[in-house]
PDB file of N, CA and C in Angstrom:
ATOM      1  N   UNK A   1       7.673  13.342   3.313  1.00  0.00           N
ATOM      2  CA  UNK A   1       6.967  13.836   2.154  1.00  0.00           C
ATOM      3  C   UNK A   1       6.015  14.937   2.563  1.00  0.00           C
ATOM      4  N   UNK A   2       6.489  16.109   2.633  1.00  0.00           N
ATOM      5  CA  UNK A   2       5.673  17.216   3.100  1.00  0.00           C
ATOM      6  C   UNK A   2       4.552  17.573   2.125  1.00  0.00           C
ATOM      7  N   UNK A   3       4.673  17.218   0.851  1.00  0.00           N
ATOM      8  CA  UNK A   3       3.633  17.525  -0.127  1.00  0.00           C
ATOM      9  C   UNK A   3       2.596  16.419  -0.242  1.00  0.00           C
ATOM     10  N   UNK A   4       2.650  15.451   0.645  1.00  0.00           N
ATOM     11  CA  UNK A   4       1.773  14.292   0.593  1.00  0.00           C
ATOM     12  C   UNK A   4       0.661  14.471   1.612  1.00  0.00           C
ATOM     13  N   UNK A   5      -0.384  15.205   1.231  1.00  0.00           N
ATOM     14  CA  UNK A   5      -1.481  15.521   2.125  1.00  0.00           C
ATOM     15  C   UNK A   5      -2.714  14.724   1.701  1.00  0.00           C
ATOM     16  N   UNK A   6      -3.029  13.679   2.464  1.00  0.00           N
ATOM     17  CA  UNK A   6      -4.167  12.830   2.131  1.00  0.00           C
ATOM     18  C   UNK A   6      -5.228  12.974   3.206  1.00  0.00           C
ATOM     19  N   UNK A   7      -6.433  13.310   2.777  1.00  0.00           N
ATOM     20  CA  UNK A   7      -7.556  13.428   3.702  1.00  0.00           C
ATOM     21  C   UNK A   7      -8.524  12.273   3.475  1.00  0.00           C
ATOM     22  N   UNK A   8      -9.401  12.067   4.436  1.00  0.00           N
ATOM     23  CA  UNK A   8     -10.424  11.027   4.283  1.00  0.00           C
ATOM     24  C   UNK A   8     -11.275  11.298   3.048  1.00  0.00           C
ATOM     25  N   UNK A   9     -11.590  12.552   2.812  1.00  0.00           N
ATOM     26  CA  UNK A   9     -12.413  12.916   1.654  1.00  0.00           C
ATOM     27  C   UNK A   9     -11.698  12.572   0.352  1.00  0.00           C
ATOM     28  N   UNK A  10     -10.401  12.810   0.318  1.00  0.00           N
ATOM     29  CA  UNK A  10      -9.631  12.504  -0.890  1.00  0.00           C
ATOM     30  C   UNK A  10      -9.605  10.996  -1.134  1.00  0.00           C
ATOM     31  N   UNK A  11      -9.425  10.237  -0.074  1.00  0.00           N
ATOM     32  CA  UNK A  11      -9.427   8.774  -0.202  1.00  0.00           C
ATOM     33  C   UNK A  11     -10.797   8.296  -0.684  1.00  0.00           C
ATOM     34  N   UNK A  12     -11.857   8.845  -0.107  1.00  0.00           N
ATOM     35  CA  UNK A  12     -13.212   8.459  -0.502  1.00  0.00           C
ATOM     36  C   UNK A  12     -13.467   8.785  -1.970  1.00  0.00           C
ATOM     37  N   UNK A  13     -13.000   9.931  -2.409  1.00  0.00           N
ATOM     38  CA  UNK A  13     -13.198  10.335  -3.803  1.00  0.00           C
ATOM     39  C   UNK A  13     -12.428   9.443  -4.771  1.00  0.00           C
ATOM     40  N   UNK A  14     -11.321   8.913  -4.321  1.00  0.00           N
ATOM     41  CA  UNK A  14     -10.463   8.086  -5.174  1.00  0.00           C
ATOM     42  C   UNK A  14     -10.704   6.590  -4.974  1.00  0.00           C
ATOM     43  N   UNK A  15     -11.702   6.241  -4.193  1.00  0.00           N
ATOM     44  CA  UNK A  15     -11.934   4.834  -3.848  1.00  0.00           C
ATOM     45  C   UNK A  15     -11.996   3.901  -5.059  1.00  0.00           C
ATOM     46  N   UNK A  16     -12.747   4.238  -6.115  1.00  0.00           N
ATOM     47  CA  UNK A  16     -12.781   3.314  -7.264  1.00  0.00           C
ATOM     48  C   UNK A  16     -11.399   3.064  -7.873  1.00  0.00           C
ATOM     49  N   UNK A  17     -10.602   4.131  -7.993  1.00  0.00           N
ATOM     50  CA  UNK A  17      -9.261   3.992  -8.549  1.00  0.00           C
ATOM     51  C   UNK A  17      -8.350   3.198  -7.612  1.00  0.00           C
ATOM     52  N   UNK A  18      -8.500   3.417  -6.297  1.00  0.00           N
ATOM     53  CA  UNK A  18      -7.706   2.676  -5.323  1.00  0.00           C
ATOM     54  C   UNK A  18      -8.045   1.187  -5.358  1.00  0.00           C
ATOM     55  N   UNK A  19      -9.331   0.879  -5.474  1.00  0.00           N
ATOM     56  CA  UNK A  19      -9.746  -0.521  -5.554  1.00  0.00           C
ATOM     57  C   UNK A  19      -9.210  -1.169  -6.828  1.00  0.00           C
ATOM     58  N   UNK A  20      -9.210  -0.413  -7.916  1.00  0.00           N
ATOM     59  CA  UNK A  20      -8.678  -0.937  -9.171  1.00  0.00           C
ATOM     60  C   UNK A  20      -7.190  -1.265  -9.020  1.00  0.00           C
ATOM     61  N   UNK A  21      -6.439  -0.374  -8.377  1.00  0.00           N
ATOM     62  CA  UNK A  21      -5.015  -0.630  -8.145  1.00  0.00           C
ATOM     63  C   UNK A  21      -4.821  -1.838  -7.233  1.00  0.00           C
ATOM     64  N   UNK A  22      -5.617  -1.929  -6.178  1.00  0.00           N
ATOM     65  CA  UNK A  22      -5.490  -3.046  -5.235  1.00  0.00           C
ATOM     66  C   UNK A  22      -5.764  -4.379  -5.913  1.00  0.00           C
ATOM     67  N   UNK A  23      -6.661  -4.382  -6.891  1.00  0.00           N
ATOM     68  CA  UNK A  23      -7.032  -5.615  -7.573  1.00  0.00           C
ATOM     69  C   UNK A  23      -6.238  -5.868  -8.853  1.00  0.00           C
ATOM     70  N   UNK A  24      -5.301  -4.966  -9.145  1.00  0.00           N
ATOM     71  CA  UNK A  24      -4.452  -5.148 -10.319  1.00  0.00           C
ATOM     72  C   UNK A  24      -3.459  -6.288 -10.056  1.00  0.00           C
ATOM     73  N   UNK A  25      -2.781  -6.704 -11.101  1.00  0.00           N
ATOM     74  CA  UNK A  25      -1.770  -7.755 -10.953  1.00  0.00           C
ATOM     75  C   UNK A  25      -0.715  -7.339  -9.941  1.00  0.00           C
ATOM     76  N   UNK A  26      -0.233  -6.090 -10.047  1.00  0.00           N
ATOM     77  CA  UNK A  26       0.769  -5.602  -9.097  1.00  0.00           C
ATOM     78  C   UNK A  26       0.205  -5.531  -7.687  1.00  0.00           C
ATOM     79  N   UNK A  27      -1.031  -5.068  -7.564  1.00  0.00           N
ATOM     80  CA  UNK A  27      -1.654  -4.992  -6.247  1.00  0.00           C
ATOM     81  C   UNK A  27      -1.787  -6.348  -5.590  1.00  0.00           C
ATOM     82  N   UNK A  28      -2.196  -7.331  -6.364  1.00  0.00           N
ATOM     83  CA  UNK A  28      -2.335  -8.693  -5.827  1.00  0.00           C
ATOM     84  C   UNK A  28      -0.982  -9.261  -5.414  1.00  0.00           C
ATOM     85  N   UNK A  29       0.040  -8.983  -6.215  1.00  0.00           N
ATOM     86  CA  UNK A  29       1.379  -9.494  -5.883  1.00  0.00           C
ATOM     87  C   UNK A  29       1.887  -8.854  -4.593  1.00  0.00           C
ATOM     88  N   UNK A  30       1.664  -7.555  -4.435  1.00  0.00           N
ATOM     89  CA  UNK A  30       2.106  -6.878  -3.213  1.00  0.00           C
ATOM     90  C   UNK A  30       1.352  -7.419  -2.007  1.00  0.00           C
ATOM     91  N   UNK A  31       0.072  -7.694  -2.160  1.00  0.00           N
ATOM     92  CA  UNK A  31      -0.695  -8.313  -1.068  1.00  0.00           C
ATOM     93  C   UNK A  31      -0.070  -9.635  -0.654  1.00  0.00           C
ATOM     94  N   UNK A  32       0.322 -10.432  -1.648  1.00  0.00           N
ATOM     95  CA  UNK A  32       0.972 -11.709  -1.351  1.00  0.00           C
ATOM     96  C   UNK A  32       2.278 -11.486  -0.591  1.00  0.00           C
ATOM     97  N   UNK A  33       3.057 -10.513  -1.048  1.00  0.00           N
ATOM     98  CA  UNK A  33       4.342 -10.223  -0.414  1.00  0.00           C
ATOM     99  C   UNK A  33       4.169  -9.750   1.028  1.00  0.00           C
ATOM    100  N   UNK A  34       3.094  -9.034   1.282  1.00  0.00           N
ATOM    101  CA  UNK A  34       2.847  -8.524   2.634  1.00  0.00           C
ATOM    102  C   UNK A  34       2.364  -9.617   3.585  1.00  0.00           C
ATOM    103  N   UNK A  35       1.916 -10.712   3.039  1.00  0.00           N
ATOM    104  CA  UNK A  35       1.563 -11.844   3.885  1.00  0.00           C
ATOM    105  C   UNK A  35       0.187 -11.783   4.507  1.00  0.00           C
ATOM    106  N   UNK A  36      -0.671 -10.913   4.043  1.00  0.00           N
ATOM    107  CA  UNK A  36      -2.065 -10.883   4.481  1.00  0.00           C
ATOM    108  C   UNK A  36      -2.269 -10.946   5.977  1.00  0.00           C
ATOM    109  N   UNK A  37      -2.458 -12.148   6.504  1.00  0.00           N
ATOM    110  CA  UNK A  37      -2.744 -12.333   7.925  1.00  0.00           C
ATOM    111  C   UNK A  37      -1.595 -11.853   8.805  1.00  0.00           C
ATOM    112  N   UNK A  38      -0.364 -12.057   8.341  1.00  0.00           N
ATOM    113  CA  UNK A  38       0.794 -11.637   9.134  1.00  0.00           C
ATOM    114  C   UNK A  38       0.786 -10.129   9.342  1.00  0.00           C
ATOM    115  N   UNK A  39       0.526  -9.387   8.284  1.00  0.00           N
ATOM    116  CA  UNK A  39       0.537  -7.926   8.384  1.00  0.00           C
ATOM    117  C   UNK A  39      -0.657  -7.442   9.216  1.00  0.00           C
ATOM    118  N   UNK A  40      -1.789  -8.124   9.079  1.00  0.00           N
ATOM    119  CA  UNK A  40      -2.967  -7.771   9.872  1.00  0.00           C
ATOM    120  C   UNK A  40      -2.698  -7.984  11.359  1.00  0.00           C
ATOM    121  N   UNK A  41      -2.094  -9.107  11.704  1.00  0.00           N
ATOM    122  CA  UNK A  41      -1.779  -9.393  13.098  1.00  0.00           C
ATOM    123  C   UNK A  41      -0.756  -8.398  13.644  1.00  0.00           C
ATOM    124  N   UNK A  42       0.223  -8.037  12.824  1.00  0.00           N
ATOM    125  CA  UNK A  42       1.218  -7.046  13.250  1.00  0.00           C
ATOM    126  C   UNK A  42       0.534  -5.708  13.527  1.00  0.00           C
ATOM    127  N   UNK A  43      -0.418  -5.345  12.679  1.00  0.00           N
ATOM    128  CA  UNK A  43      -1.144  -4.082  12.878  1.00  0.00           C
ATOM    129  C   UNK A  43      -1.954  -4.129  14.172  1.00  0.00           C
ATOM    130  N   UNK A  44      -2.600  -5.247  14.434  1.00  0.00           N
ATOM    131  CA  UNK A  44      -3.393  -5.384  15.659  1.00  0.00           C
ATOM    132  C   UNK A  44      -2.515  -5.301  16.906  1.00  0.00           C
ATOM    133  N   UNK A  45      -1.287  -5.820  16.793  1.00  0.00           N
ATOM    134  CA  UNK A  45      -0.340  -5.763  17.922  1.00  0.00           C
ATOM    135  C   UNK A  45       0.337  -4.400  18.032  1.00  0.00           C
ATOM    136  N   UNK A  46       0.214  -3.607  16.978  1.00  0.00           N
ATOM    137  CA  UNK A  46       0.916  -2.328  16.963  1.00  0.00           C
ATOM    138  C   UNK A  46       2.396  -2.501  16.664  1.00  0.00           C
ATOM    139  N   UNK A  47       2.736  -3.583  15.987  1.00  0.00           N
ATOM    140  CA  UNK A  47       4.132  -3.909  15.676  1.00  0.00           C
ATOM    141  C   UNK A  47       4.578  -3.152  14.425  1.00  0.00           C
ATOM    142  N   UNK A  48       4.921  -1.903  14.618  1.00  0.00           N
ATOM    143  CA  UNK A  48       5.308  -1.032  13.517  1.00  0.00           C
ATOM    144  C   UNK A  48       6.564  -1.550  12.820  1.00  0.00           C
ATOM    145  N   UNK A  49       7.493  -2.127  13.554  1.00  0.00           N
ATOM    146  CA  UNK A  49       8.726  -2.649  12.952  1.00  0.00           C
ATOM    147  C   UNK A  49       8.416  -3.764  11.955  1.00  0.00           C
ATOM    148  N   UNK A  50       7.502  -4.660  12.296  1.00  0.00           N
ATOM    149  CA  UNK A  50       7.138  -5.752  11.388  1.00  0.00           C
ATOM    150  C   UNK A  50       6.440  -5.214  10.147  1.00  0.00           C
ATOM    151  N   UNK A  51       5.580  -4.226  10.332  1.00  0.00           N
ATOM    152  CA  UNK A  51       4.881  -3.616   9.202  1.00  0.00           C
ATOM    153  C   UNK A  51       5.876  -2.912   8.288  1.00  0.00           C
ATOM    154  N   UNK A  52       6.778  -2.150   8.872  1.00  0.00           N
ATOM    155  CA  UNK A  52       7.787  -1.430   8.091  1.00  0.00           C
ATOM    156  C   UNK A  52       8.680  -2.393   7.320  1.00  0.00           C
ATOM    157  N   UNK A  53       9.083  -3.479   7.958  1.00  0.00           N
ATOM    158  CA  UNK A  53       9.942  -4.463   7.294  1.00  0.00           C
ATOM    159  C   UNK A  53       9.212  -5.101   6.110  1.00  0.00           C
ATOM    160  N   UNK A  54       7.953  -5.443   6.301  1.00  0.00           N
ATOM    161  CA  UNK A  54       7.174  -6.052   5.219  1.00  0.00           C
ATOM    162  C   UNK A  54       7.003  -5.069   4.061  1.00  0.00           C
ATOM    163  N   UNK A  55       6.730  -3.811   4.378  1.00  0.00           N
ATOM    164  CA  UNK A  55       6.579  -2.798   3.331  1.00  0.00           C
ATOM    165  C   UNK A  55       7.884  -2.562   2.584  1.00  0.00           C
ATOM    166  N   UNK A  56       8.984  -2.502   3.308  1.00  0.00           N
ATOM    167  CA  UNK A  56      10.282  -2.306   2.656  1.00  0.00           C
ATOM    168  C   UNK A  56      10.575  -3.448   1.697  1.00  0.00           C
ATOM    169  N   UNK A  57      10.308  -4.657   2.117  1.00  0.00           N
ATOM    170  CA  UNK A  57      10.531  -5.818   1.261  1.00  0.00           C
ATOM    171  C   UNK A  57       9.654  -5.745   0.012  1.00  0.00           C
ATOM    172  N   UNK A  58       8.377  -5.444   0.204  1.00  0.00           N
ATOM    173  CA  UNK A  58       7.441  -5.384  -0.920  1.00  0.00           C
ATOM    174  C   UNK A  58       7.805  -4.259  -1.884  1.00  0.00           C
ATOM    175  N   UNK A  59       8.209  -3.107  -1.350  1.00  0.00           N
ATOM    176  CA  UNK A  59       8.509  -1.961  -2.203  1.00  0.00           C
ATOM    177  C   UNK A  59       9.809  -2.112  -2.982  1.00  0.00           C
ATOM    178  N   UNK A  60      10.638  -3.063  -2.589  1.00  0.00           N
ATOM    179  CA  UNK A  60      11.889  -3.317  -3.314  1.00  0.00           C
ATOM    180  C   UNK A  60      11.662  -4.164  -4.566  1.00  0.00           C
ATOM    181  N   UNK A  61      10.470  -4.719  -4.713  1.00  0.00           N
ATOM    182  CA  UNK A  61      10.168  -5.513  -5.900  1.00  0.00           C
ATOM    183  C   UNK A  61       9.705  -4.581  -7.024  1.00  0.00           C
ATOM    184  N   UNK A  62       9.765  -5.076  -8.255  1.00  0.00           N
ATOM    185  CA  UNK A  62       9.281  -4.281  -9.389  1.00  0.00           C
ATOM    186  C   UNK A  62       7.801  -3.948  -9.227  1.00  0.00           C
ATOM    187  N   UNK A  63       7.019  -4.942  -8.796  1.00  0.00           N
ATOM    188  CA  UNK A  63       5.578  -4.724  -8.628  1.00  0.00           C
ATOM    189  C   UNK A  63       5.303  -3.687  -7.547  1.00  0.00           C
ATOM    190  N   UNK A  64       6.017  -3.795  -6.456  1.00  0.00           N
ATOM    191  CA  UNK A  64       5.827  -2.845  -5.358  1.00  0.00           C
ATOM    192  C   UNK A  64       6.200  -1.440  -5.751  1.00  0.00           C
ATOM    193  N   UNK A  65       7.300  -1.297  -6.475  1.00  0.00           N
ATOM    194  CA  UNK A  65       7.732   0.027  -6.923  1.00  0.00           C
ATOM    195  C   UNK A  65       6.715   0.635  -7.885  1.00  0.00           C
ATOM    196  N   UNK A  66       6.224  -0.180  -8.819  1.00  0.00           N
ATOM    197  CA  UNK A  66       5.210   0.321  -9.757  1.00  0.00           C
ATOM    198  C   UNK A  66       3.948   0.738  -9.025  1.00  0.00           C
ATOM    199  N   UNK A  67       3.505  -0.093  -8.089  1.00  0.00           N
ATOM    200  CA  UNK A  67       2.289   0.204  -7.343  1.00  0.00           C
ATOM    201  C   UNK A  67       2.461   1.485  -6.521  1.00  0.00           C
ATOM    202  N   UNK A  68       3.596   1.638  -5.882  1.00  0.00           N
ATOM    203  CA  UNK A  68       3.858   2.845  -5.098  1.00  0.00           C
ATOM    204  C   UNK A  68       3.832   4.083  -5.983  1.00  0.00           C
ATOM    205  N   UNK A  69       4.421   3.995  -7.162  1.00  0.00           N
ATOM    206  CA  UNK A  69       4.408   5.141  -8.081  1.00  0.00           C
ATOM    207  C   UNK A  69       2.996   5.462  -8.545  1.00  0.00           C
ATOM    208  N   UNK A  70       2.210   4.428  -8.837  1.00  0.00           N
ATOM    209  CA  UNK A  70       0.823   4.645  -9.257  1.00  0.00           C
ATOM    210  C   UNK A  70       0.011   5.300  -8.130  1.00  0.00           C
ATOM    211  N   UNK A  71       0.224   4.846  -6.904  1.00  0.00           N
ATOM    212  CA  UNK A  71      -0.471   5.439  -5.754  1.00  0.00           C
ATOM    213  C   UNK A  71      -0.072   6.892  -5.553  1.00  0.00           C
ATOM    214  N   UNK A  72       1.217   7.146  -5.669  1.00  0.00           N
ATOM    215  CA  UNK A  72       1.728   8.514  -5.507  1.00  0.00           C
ATOM    216  C   UNK A  72       1.077   9.444  -6.533  1.00  0.00           C
ATOM    217  N   UNK A  73       1.025   9.009  -7.775  1.00  0.00           N
ATOM    218  CA  UNK A  73       0.415   9.831  -8.830  1.00  0.00           C
ATOM    219  C   UNK A  73      -1.084  10.023  -8.598  1.00  0.00           C
ATOM    220  N   UNK A  74      -1.757   8.955  -8.215  1.00  0.00           N
ATOM    221  CA  UNK A  74      -3.188   9.008  -7.979  1.00  0.00           C
ATOM    222  C   UNK A  74      -3.556   9.971  -6.862  1.00  0.00           C
ATOM    223  N   UNK A  75      -2.747  10.000  -5.823  1.00  0.00           N
ATOM    224  CA  UNK A  75      -3.102  10.783  -4.629  1.00  0.00           C
ATOM    225  C   UNK A  75      -2.533  12.201  -4.637  1.00  0.00           C
ATOM    226  N   UNK A  76      -1.924  12.624  -5.725  1.00  0.00           N
ATOM    227  CA  UNK A  76      -1.413  14.002  -5.809  1.00  0.00           C
ATOM    228  C   UNK A  76      -2.533  14.997  -5.699  1.00  0.00           C
TER     229      UNK A  76
END
């Protein structure tokens, strides 16, 4: 995605909207699908394959797809 340029400043400016998405019904469902502690431990280990697999699974759901689209629109 060459047009997907996200800076720290952009994330900071969008923080309220990002938090709203994270706490939405879809956001909560995706958190559940990602397995919380499992994904955190994978990140600490640097296990990119486990993170990618969890994201692929979550994004294949209706909630994950909706959340991804909302994030994409928000961060344009």
